Amino acid sequence: MNAQISEEVHALCRRYQALALSEDPTTLTVALSEEAPQGLLAALRFATGKRIHLEQWPAARLEMAL
């Protein structure tokens, strides 16, 4: 778990089976194994005020990281 990313953001990601990878002043990077679930991007944008960058990971890799 990246210590720079808030617990609120990690909790949102877990709810949608995603993994918050990194955060800089303007962007949050998130890993998903499938297309972004409805509501995830809006929730992350609202919580962070940042642009959301998505990375597509194989399901097995994401499961191991979660």
N, C-alpha and C. Protein backbone atom coordinates (compact mmCIF):
# COMPACT_ATOMS: atom_id res chain seq x y z
N MET A 1 0.85 -1.18 0.00
CA MET A 1 0.00 0.00 0.00
C MET A 1 0.89 1.24 0.00
N ASN A 2 0.59 2.15 -0.88
CA ASN A 2 1.36 3.39 -0.98
C ASN A 2 0.94 4.33 0.14
N ALA A 3 1.88 4.71 1.00
CA ALA A 3 1.59 5.53 2.18
C ALA A 3 1.14 6.94 1.81
N GLN A 4 1.48 7.42 0.62
CA GLN A 4 1.08 8.77 0.20
C GLN A 4 -0.40 8.84 -0.14
N ILE A 5 -1.00 7.73 -0.47
CA ILE A 5 -2.39 7.69 -0.89
C ILE A 5 -3.27 7.49 0.34
N SER A 6 -4.32 8.29 0.45
CA SER A 6 -5.17 8.26 1.64
C SER A 6 -5.91 6.93 1.78
N GLU A 7 -6.27 6.61 3.00
CA GLU A 7 -7.05 5.40 3.26
C GLU A 7 -8.40 5.48 2.56
N GLU A 8 -8.97 6.67 2.45
CA GLU A 8 -10.25 6.85 1.75
C GLU A 8 -10.13 6.39 0.29
N VAL A 9 -9.05 6.76 -0.36
CA VAL A 9 -8.85 6.37 -1.76
C VAL A 9 -8.61 4.87 -1.86
N HIS A 10 -7.81 4.31 -0.96
CA HIS A 10 -7.60 2.85 -0.96
C HIS A 10 -8.92 2.12 -0.75
N ALA A 11 -9.76 2.61 0.15
CA ALA A 11 -11.06 1.97 0.42
C ALA A 11 -11.96 2.03 -0.82
N LEU A 12 -11.98 3.17 -1.50
CA LEU A 12 -12.77 3.28 -2.74
C LEU A 12 -12.29 2.27 -3.77
N CYS A 13 -10.99 2.17 -3.92
CA CYS A 13 -10.43 1.23 -4.89
C CYS A 13 -10.80 -0.21 -4.53
N ARG A 14 -10.66 -0.57 -3.26
CA ARG A 14 -11.02 -1.93 -2.84
C ARG A 14 -12.48 -2.24 -3.16
N ARG A 15 -13.35 -1.27 -2.94
CA ARG A 15 -14.78 -1.46 -3.21
C ARG A 15 -15.02 -1.84 -4.67
N TYR A 16 -14.19 -1.32 -5.56
CA TYR A 16 -14.35 -1.57 -6.99
C TYR A 16 -13.32 -2.58 -7.53
N GLN A 17 -12.65 -3.31 -6.65
CA GLN A 17 -11.65 -4.31 -7.04
C GLN A 17 -10.55 -3.67 -7.90
N ALA A 18 -10.05 -2.55 -7.43
CA ALA A 18 -8.97 -1.83 -8.10
C ALA A 18 -7.86 -1.58 -7.09
N LEU A 19 -6.71 -1.15 -7.57
CA LEU A 19 -5.56 -0.91 -6.71
C LEU A 19 -4.96 0.46 -7.02
N ALA A 20 -4.92 1.33 -6.02
CA ALA A 20 -4.27 2.63 -6.18
C ALA A 20 -2.77 2.41 -6.16
N LEU A 21 -2.09 2.82 -7.22
CA LEU A 21 -0.65 2.56 -7.37
C LEU A 21 0.22 3.73 -6.94
N SER A 22 -0.12 4.91 -7.43
CA SER A 22 0.72 6.08 -7.13
C SER A 22 -0.11 7.35 -7.27
N GLU A 23 0.45 8.40 -6.70
CA GLU A 23 -0.23 9.69 -6.72
C GLU A 23 0.83 10.78 -6.81
N ASP A 24 0.58 11.76 -7.68
CA ASP A 24 1.43 12.95 -7.72
C ASP A 24 0.50 14.16 -7.57
N PRO A 25 1.00 15.37 -7.67
CA PRO A 25 0.14 16.53 -7.43
C PRO A 25 -1.08 16.65 -8.34
N THR A 26 -1.04 16.02 -9.52
CA THR A 26 -2.16 16.17 -10.45
C THR A 26 -2.85 14.87 -10.85
N THR A 27 -2.22 13.72 -10.59
CA THR A 27 -2.71 12.45 -11.13
C THR A 27 -2.68 11.33 -10.09
N LEU A 28 -3.73 10.50 -10.11
CA LEU A 28 -3.78 9.26 -9.34
C LEU A 28 -3.75 8.12 -10.34
N THR A 29 -2.85 7.15 -10.16
CA THR A 29 -2.75 6.00 -11.04
C THR A 29 -3.35 4.79 -10.35
N VAL A 30 -4.25 4.10 -11.07
CA VAL A 30 -5.01 2.98 -10.52
C VAL A 30 -4.91 1.79 -11.47
N ALA A 31 -4.75 0.59 -10.90
CA ALA A 31 -4.72 -0.64 -11.69
C ALA A 31 -6.07 -1.33 -11.61
N LEU A 32 -6.52 -1.84 -12.76
CA LEU A 32 -7.76 -2.60 -12.88
C LEU A 32 -7.51 -3.80 -13.77
N SER A 33 -8.31 -4.86 -13.59
CA SER A 33 -8.16 -6.01 -14.49
C SER A 33 -9.17 -5.97 -15.62
N GLU A 34 -10.19 -5.15 -15.48
CA GLU A 34 -11.22 -5.03 -16.50
C GLU A 34 -11.51 -3.55 -16.74
N GLU A 35 -12.51 -3.29 -17.55
CA GLU A 35 -12.94 -1.91 -17.78
C GLU A 35 -13.38 -1.30 -16.45
N ALA A 36 -13.16 -0.01 -16.30
CA ALA A 36 -13.50 0.68 -15.05
C ALA A 36 -14.99 0.55 -14.76
N PRO A 37 -15.34 0.06 -13.56
CA PRO A 37 -16.76 -0.03 -13.19
C PRO A 37 -17.41 1.35 -13.14
N GLN A 38 -18.69 1.37 -13.46
CA GLN A 38 -19.43 2.63 -13.43
C GLN A 38 -19.33 3.22 -12.03
N GLY A 39 -19.00 4.46 -11.95
CA GLY A 39 -18.92 5.16 -10.67
C GLY A 39 -17.52 5.29 -10.11
N LEU A 40 -16.61 4.42 -10.50
CA LEU A 40 -15.26 4.45 -9.93
C LEU A 40 -14.53 5.75 -10.28
N LEU A 41 -14.49 6.09 -11.54
CA LEU A 41 -13.73 7.29 -11.95
C LEU A 41 -14.30 8.55 -11.31
N ALA A 42 -15.61 8.67 -11.31
CA ALA A 42 -16.23 9.86 -10.71
C ALA A 42 -15.94 9.92 -9.22
N ALA A 43 -16.01 8.78 -8.53
CA ALA A 43 -15.75 8.75 -7.09
C ALA A 43 -14.30 9.13 -6.79
N LEU A 44 -13.36 8.62 -7.59
CA LEU A 44 -11.95 8.93 -7.37
C LEU A 44 -11.65 10.39 -7.69
N ARG A 45 -12.23 10.89 -8.78
CA ARG A 45 -12.03 12.31 -9.11
C ARG A 45 -12.57 13.20 -8.01
N PHE A 46 -13.74 12.86 -7.48
CA PHE A 46 -14.35 13.66 -6.42
C PHE A 46 -13.50 13.61 -5.15
N ALA A 47 -13.01 12.41 -4.80
CA ALA A 47 -12.24 12.24 -3.56
C ALA A 47 -10.87 12.91 -3.63
N THR A 48 -10.28 12.96 -4.83
CA THR A 48 -8.90 13.46 -4.94
C THR A 48 -8.78 14.81 -5.64
N GLY A 49 -9.74 15.14 -6.48
CA GLY A 49 -9.63 16.35 -7.30
C GLY A 49 -8.56 16.21 -8.37
N LYS A 50 -8.21 14.97 -8.70
CA LYS A 50 -7.11 14.72 -9.65
C LYS A 50 -7.60 13.99 -10.89
N ARG A 51 -6.74 14.03 -11.91
CA ARG A 51 -6.94 13.23 -13.12
C ARG A 51 -6.65 11.78 -12.74
N ILE A 52 -7.42 10.84 -13.28
CA ILE A 52 -7.24 9.43 -12.97
C ILE A 52 -6.62 8.73 -14.18
N HIS A 53 -5.48 8.09 -13.97
CA HIS A 53 -4.80 7.32 -15.01
C HIS A 53 -5.02 5.84 -14.68
N LEU A 54 -5.52 5.09 -15.66
CA LEU A 54 -5.81 3.67 -15.45
C LEU A 54 -4.76 2.79 -16.11
N GLU A 55 -4.35 1.76 -15.40
CA GLU A 55 -3.46 0.73 -15.96
C GLU A 55 -4.24 -0.58 -15.99
N GLN A 56 -4.16 -1.29 -17.11
CA GLN A 56 -4.82 -2.57 -17.25
C GLN A 56 -3.86 -3.67 -16.81
N TRP A 57 -4.22 -4.43 -15.79
CA TRP A 57 -3.39 -5.52 -15.28
C TRP A 57 -4.12 -6.84 -15.51
N PRO A 58 -3.37 -7.94 -15.72
CA PRO A 58 -4.01 -9.26 -15.75
C PRO A 58 -4.68 -9.52 -14.40
N ALA A 59 -5.81 -10.22 -14.42
CA ALA A 59 -6.58 -10.47 -13.20
C ALA A 59 -5.74 -11.15 -12.12
N ALA A 60 -4.91 -12.11 -12.50
CA ALA A 60 -4.09 -12.83 -11.51
C ALA A 60 -3.11 -11.88 -10.82
N ARG A 61 -2.51 -10.98 -11.57
CA ARG A 61 -1.57 -10.02 -10.97
C ARG A 61 -2.28 -9.10 -9.99
N LEU A 62 -3.45 -8.63 -10.37
CA LEU A 62 -4.21 -7.73 -9.50
C LEU A 62 -4.65 -8.45 -8.23
N GLU A 63 -5.12 -9.68 -8.36
CA GLU A 63 -5.54 -10.46 -7.19
C GLU A 63 -4.38 -10.64 -6.21
N MET A 64 -3.20 -10.88 -6.72
CA MET A 64 -2.03 -11.05 -5.84
C MET A 64 -1.70 -9.75 -5.12
N ALA A 65 -1.88 -8.63 -5.80
CA ALA A 65 -1.54 -7.33 -5.21
C ALA A 65 -2.58 -6.85 -4.21
N LEU A 66 -3.83 -7.27 -4.40
CA LEU A 66 -4.89 -6.86 -3.48
C LEU A 66 -4.76 -7.64 -2.19
